[in-house]
Protein backbone atom coordinates (compact mmCIF):
# COMPACT_ATOMS: atom_id res chain seq x y z
CA MET A 1 9.80 -49.14 -3.70
CA ILE A 2 12.81 -51.48 -3.41
CA SER A 3 13.74 -51.36 -7.10
CA ARG A 4 13.41 -47.56 -7.10
CA TYR A 5 16.39 -47.35 -4.75
CA MET A 6 18.60 -49.97 -6.37
CA VAL A 7 21.46 -49.37 -8.79
CA LEU A 8 22.53 -52.03 -11.28
CA VAL A 9 26.23 -51.70 -12.10
CA ALA A 10 26.19 -53.66 -15.36
CA SER A 11 29.96 -53.45 -15.99
CA GLU A 12 30.62 -55.18 -12.65
CA GLN A 13 27.50 -57.37 -12.65
CA ARG A 14 26.59 -55.99 -9.23
CA LEU A 15 23.31 -54.84 -7.75
CA LEU A 16 23.69 -52.04 -5.20
CA MET A 17 20.98 -51.52 -2.60
CA MET A 18 21.02 -48.08 -1.06
CA ARG A 19 21.30 -47.82 2.71
CA PRO A 20 18.28 -46.50 4.63
CA TYR A 21 19.81 -43.07 5.34
CA GLN A 22 20.62 -42.66 1.62
CA ILE A 23 17.03 -43.51 0.71
CA TYR A 24 15.69 -41.02 3.27
CA ALA A 25 17.95 -38.29 1.87
CA VAL A 26 16.95 -38.90 -1.75
CA LYS A 27 13.28 -39.06 -0.79
CA ALA A 28 13.62 -35.79 1.16
CA ILE A 29 15.06 -34.02 -1.91
CA VAL A 30 12.43 -35.40 -4.29
CA ASP A 31 9.58 -34.61 -1.88
CA CYS A 32 10.90 -31.09 -1.28
CA ILE A 33 10.79 -30.41 -5.03
CA HIS A 34 7.39 -32.05 -5.47
CA GLN A 35 5.94 -29.97 -2.62
CA ASN A 36 7.73 -26.81 -3.81
CA CYS A 37 9.31 -26.28 -0.38
CA GLY A 38 12.40 -24.32 -1.47
CA ASN A 39 16.00 -25.23 -0.69
CA GLY A 40 17.64 -27.57 1.78
CA TYR A 41 20.82 -29.40 2.67
CA ILE A 42 21.79 -32.98 3.45
CA TRP A 43 24.32 -33.52 6.24
CA HIS A 44 26.00 -36.87 5.56
CA THR A 45 29.40 -37.68 7.01
CA THR A 46 32.58 -38.76 5.23
CA GLY A 47 32.35 -42.31 3.88
CA SER A 48 28.54 -42.37 3.84
CA GLY A 49 28.26 -42.70 0.05
CA LYS A 50 27.22 -39.18 -0.95
CA THR A 51 28.07 -39.83 -4.61
CA LEU A 52 25.58 -42.70 -4.82
CA THR A 53 22.99 -40.58 -3.00
CA SER A 54 23.45 -37.71 -5.44
CA PHE A 55 23.43 -40.06 -8.45
CA LYS A 56 20.11 -41.59 -7.46
CA ALA A 57 18.58 -38.18 -6.72
CA SER A 58 19.77 -36.91 -10.11
CA THR A 59 18.47 -39.89 -12.08
CA LEU A 60 15.07 -39.79 -10.37
CA LEU A 61 14.83 -36.10 -11.26
CA LYS A 62 15.93 -36.91 -14.81
CA ASP A 63 12.88 -39.14 -15.17
CA ASN A 64 10.59 -36.40 -13.83
CA PRO A 65 8.89 -34.67 -16.81
CA ASP A 66 8.35 -31.53 -14.71
CA ILE A 67 12.12 -30.98 -14.36
CA ASP A 68 14.03 -29.52 -17.32
CA LYS A 69 17.58 -29.79 -15.97
CA CYS A 70 19.44 -31.17 -12.98
CA LEU A 71 22.91 -29.75 -12.34
CA PHE A 72 25.33 -31.50 -10.01
CA VAL A 73 27.99 -28.95 -9.06
CA VAL A 74 31.38 -29.59 -7.42
CA ASP A 75 34.09 -27.13 -6.39
CA ARG A 76 37.21 -28.79 -7.84
CA LYS A 77 38.24 -30.17 -11.21
CA ASP A 78 39.40 -33.48 -9.73
CA LEU A 79 35.99 -33.95 -8.06
CA ASP A 80 34.34 -33.21 -11.41
CA ARG A 81 36.27 -36.08 -12.99
CA GLN A 82 35.71 -38.46 -10.06
CA THR A 83 31.97 -37.72 -9.97
CA ARG A 84 31.58 -38.28 -13.72
CA GLU A 85 33.47 -41.56 -13.48
CA GLU A 86 31.28 -42.75 -10.60
CA PHE A 87 28.03 -41.65 -12.27
CA ASN A 88 29.02 -43.46 -15.47
CA ARG A 89 30.01 -46.53 -13.43
CA PHE A 90 26.52 -46.60 -11.95
CA GLN A 91 24.95 -46.01 -15.37
CA GLU A 92 27.01 -46.13 -18.55
CA GLY A 93 26.88 -42.92 -20.59
CA CYS A 94 24.98 -41.09 -17.85
CA VAL A 95 26.94 -37.82 -18.08
CA GLU A 96 29.47 -36.27 -20.45
CA GLU A 97 32.53 -34.15 -19.73
CA ASN A 98 32.20 -30.39 -20.05
CA THR A 99 35.70 -29.55 -21.27
CA ASN A 100 35.10 -25.80 -21.13
CA THR A 101 32.44 -23.19 -20.36
CA GLU A 102 31.21 -23.11 -23.97
CA THR A 103 30.44 -26.84 -23.82
CA LEU A 104 28.59 -26.34 -20.54
CA VAL A 105 26.49 -23.52 -22.03
CA ARG A 106 25.56 -25.66 -25.06
CA ARG A 107 24.45 -28.49 -22.78
CA LEU A 108 22.45 -26.13 -20.60
CA LEU A 109 20.56 -24.95 -23.69
CA SER A 110 20.18 -28.44 -25.15
CA ASP A 111 16.80 -30.20 -25.22
CA ASP A 112 18.49 -33.60 -25.56
CA TYR A 113 17.44 -36.07 -22.85
CA ALA A 114 21.10 -37.10 -22.47
CA ASP A 115 21.91 -33.54 -21.36
CA LYS A 116 19.22 -33.40 -18.69
CA VAL A 117 21.73 -34.26 -15.94
CA ILE A 118 24.93 -32.20 -16.06
CA VAL A 119 28.00 -32.52 -13.84
CA THR A 120 30.19 -29.41 -13.73
CA THR A 121 32.39 -27.26 -11.52
CA ILE A 122 31.22 -24.14 -9.71
CA GLN A 123 33.96 -22.23 -11.57
CA LYS A 124 32.55 -23.09 -15.03
CA LEU A 125 29.02 -22.32 -13.84
CA GLY A 126 30.21 -18.99 -12.44
CA LEU A 127 31.83 -18.05 -15.78
CA ALA A 128 28.67 -19.03 -17.66
CA LEU A 129 26.57 -16.73 -15.47
CA ASP A 130 29.05 -13.85 -15.41
CA GLY A 131 27.49 -10.86 -17.17
CA ALA A 132 30.92 -9.26 -17.63
CA ASN A 133 32.26 -12.20 -19.66
CA LYS A 134 33.11 -11.06 -23.20
CA ARG A 135 31.54 -14.19 -24.70
CA ASN A 136 28.17 -13.07 -23.38
CA TYR A 137 27.16 -16.48 -22.01
CA LYS A 138 24.69 -14.89 -19.60
CA GLU A 139 22.59 -13.39 -22.39
CA ARG A 140 22.55 -16.71 -24.25
CA LEU A 141 21.30 -18.42 -21.09
CA GLU A 142 18.30 -16.10 -20.67
CA PRO A 143 15.88 -18.82 -21.95
CA LEU A 144 16.72 -20.81 -18.79
CA ARG A 145 14.68 -18.34 -16.75
CA ASN A 146 11.56 -20.11 -18.01
CA GLN A 147 12.82 -23.61 -17.24
CA ARG A 148 12.52 -25.60 -14.02
CA MET A 149 16.03 -26.47 -12.95
CA VAL A 150 17.37 -28.19 -9.86
CA PHE A 151 20.87 -27.62 -8.47
CA ILE A 152 22.66 -30.18 -6.30
CA PHE A 153 25.93 -28.89 -4.82
CA ASP A 154 28.58 -31.17 -3.34
CA GLU A 155 30.18 -29.20 -0.50
CA CYS A 156 31.14 -25.93 -2.35
CA HIS A 157 31.49 -24.11 0.99
CA ARG A 158 33.77 -21.28 -0.13
CA SER A 159 32.04 -20.55 -3.42
CA GLN A 160 28.53 -20.67 -1.99
CA PHE A 161 29.27 -18.06 0.65
CA GLY A 162 30.49 -15.56 -1.96
CA ASP A 163 29.88 -14.16 -5.43
CA ASN A 164 29.12 -17.46 -7.18
CA HIS A 165 26.00 -17.92 -5.08
CA LYS A 166 24.80 -14.43 -6.06
CA SER A 167 25.59 -15.10 -9.74
CA TYR A 168 23.39 -18.13 -10.18
CA GLN A 169 20.66 -16.69 -7.96
CA GLY A 170 20.67 -13.55 -10.13
CA ILE A 171 19.83 -15.28 -13.41
CA LEU A 172 18.08 -18.35 -11.97
CA PRO A 173 16.12 -17.10 -8.94
CA GLN A 174 13.77 -19.37 -7.02
CA ARG A 175 15.31 -22.55 -8.43
CA PRO A 176 15.37 -25.46 -5.96
CA ALA A 177 18.91 -26.03 -4.74
CA PHE A 178 20.27 -28.75 -2.46
CA TRP A 179 23.64 -29.17 -0.80
CA LEU A 180 25.41 -32.34 0.31
CA TYR A 181 27.70 -31.64 3.26
CA ARG A 182 30.14 -33.56 5.39
CA TYR A 183 30.57 -30.58 7.70
CA PRO A 184 27.89 -27.86 7.57
CA ILE A 185 28.80 -24.34 8.67
CA PHE A 186 27.39 -23.38 12.06
CA GLU A 187 28.08 -20.22 14.07
CA LYS A 188 30.86 -21.88 16.06
CA ASN A 189 32.85 -22.83 12.92
CA ALA A 190 31.78 -19.97 10.61
CA SER A 191 34.36 -17.62 9.10
CA TYR A 192 32.42 -15.70 6.43
CA GLN A 193 30.83 -12.53 7.82
CA GLN A 194 27.80 -10.68 6.54
CA ILE A 195 27.72 -6.99 7.40
CA GLU A 196 24.45 -5.06 7.42
CA GLY A 197 24.72 -1.49 8.67
CA GLN A 198 26.53 -1.63 11.99
CA GLN A 199 25.71 -5.30 12.52
CA ALA A 200 28.10 -8.09 11.56
CA SER A 201 27.10 -11.73 11.82
CA TYR A 202 28.58 -15.03 10.69
CA ARG A 203 26.83 -16.71 7.79
CA THR A 204 25.85 -20.32 8.36
CA THR A 205 24.59 -23.13 6.18
CA ASP A 206 21.06 -22.53 7.49
CA ASP A 207 21.25 -18.87 6.41
CA LEU A 208 21.82 -19.77 2.77
CA PHE A 209 20.10 -23.11 2.38
CA GLN A 210 17.14 -22.79 4.75
CA ARG A 211 16.94 -26.15 6.49
CA CYS A 212 18.47 -29.57 7.01
CA LEU A 213 16.42 -32.17 5.16
CA HIS A 214 18.28 -35.18 6.55
CA GLN A 215 21.37 -35.89 8.60
CA TYR A 216 23.61 -38.88 9.06
CA THR A 217 26.53 -37.71 11.19
CA ILE A 218 29.84 -39.30 12.16
CA THR A 219 28.17 -40.46 15.40
CA HIS A 220 25.52 -42.38 13.45
CA ALA A 221 28.15 -43.86 11.13
CA ILE A 222 30.32 -45.08 14.02
CA GLU A 223 27.30 -46.60 15.76
CA ASP A 224 26.37 -48.42 12.53
CA ARG A 225 30.01 -49.47 12.00
CA ASN A 226 30.04 -47.85 8.58
CA VAL A 227 33.23 -45.95 9.43
CA LEU A 228 36.12 -46.64 11.79
CA ARG A 229 36.07 -45.24 15.30
CA PHE A 230 38.42 -42.41 16.22
CA HIS A 231 41.78 -43.31 17.71
CA VAL A 232 42.82 -40.49 20.04
CA ASP A 233 46.20 -40.15 21.73
CA TYR A 234 46.65 -37.74 24.65
CA PHE A 235 49.98 -36.09 25.44
CA LYS A 236 50.76 -34.33 28.71
CA PRO A 237 52.74 -31.10 28.19
CA GLU A 238 56.14 -30.94 29.84
CA GLY A 239 58.53 -28.17 30.87
CA LYS A 240 58.36 -25.09 33.04
CA ASN A 241 55.90 -23.21 30.84
CA PRO A 242 53.43 -25.76 29.41
CA PRO A 243 50.96 -24.32 26.89
CA LYS A 244 47.56 -23.28 28.15
CA PRO A 245 44.39 -24.76 26.64
CA GLY A 246 44.02 -23.49 23.07
CA GLU A 247 47.59 -22.18 22.97
CA GLY A 248 50.34 -23.51 20.71
CA ARG A 249 53.60 -24.85 22.15
CA GLY A 250 55.64 -22.09 20.49
CA GLN A 251 53.49 -19.41 22.10
CA ALA A 252 54.06 -20.86 25.57
CA GLN A 253 57.84 -21.01 25.08
CA GLY A 254 57.92 -17.36 24.06
CA HIS A 255 56.46 -16.15 27.38
């Protein structure tokens, strides 16, 4: 049990022991797949070590003979590079760079054990699954319909509430997918609307990803002293027309 949730960083001669909340999150993902329970998301705050959590989940799935591929998907090129560097720091040669969509497609179709865990961007994945692409990647990826694949998304808020989500669901339906979030989307902070008939409603993280498998919020992190407490300064408005609550200073001066 203990060794299962340790990471040996050979290049630094360090042994990393995962924190309890990281272990619970990884176990929740693995158990969800084993029990065939569908999708889910992990709500872990900034500074909680989501990269290590995702690395351990990916490597445990890599060793699972029932899983054909594990894709770790980010929404920016710089995060792609940072994630690969961190994964390879935890385990040398763990993942390779996908310089373009063609390289990603080749790795998706590869039976090589080294290509079982793939780190890529949502943009490259979207191009690979785009049926209108002149390179016809989507047709080449048809064999993946018969494979058991797991998707782990790091944030990807904007792309997962739009066409990219529909693209991968279209060719790879019913594949387990998990999201790591610092700030999930709830009704009070939602901006993407879904319109059905005359009804319009905000789409939330729960709508797309079914349920929260584990959470470690900023409140937990502050209590555990894993992150710094907030430092808040309060300023009293001055002048004849001070702004009302929720109103900018410029708006108040224009009255």
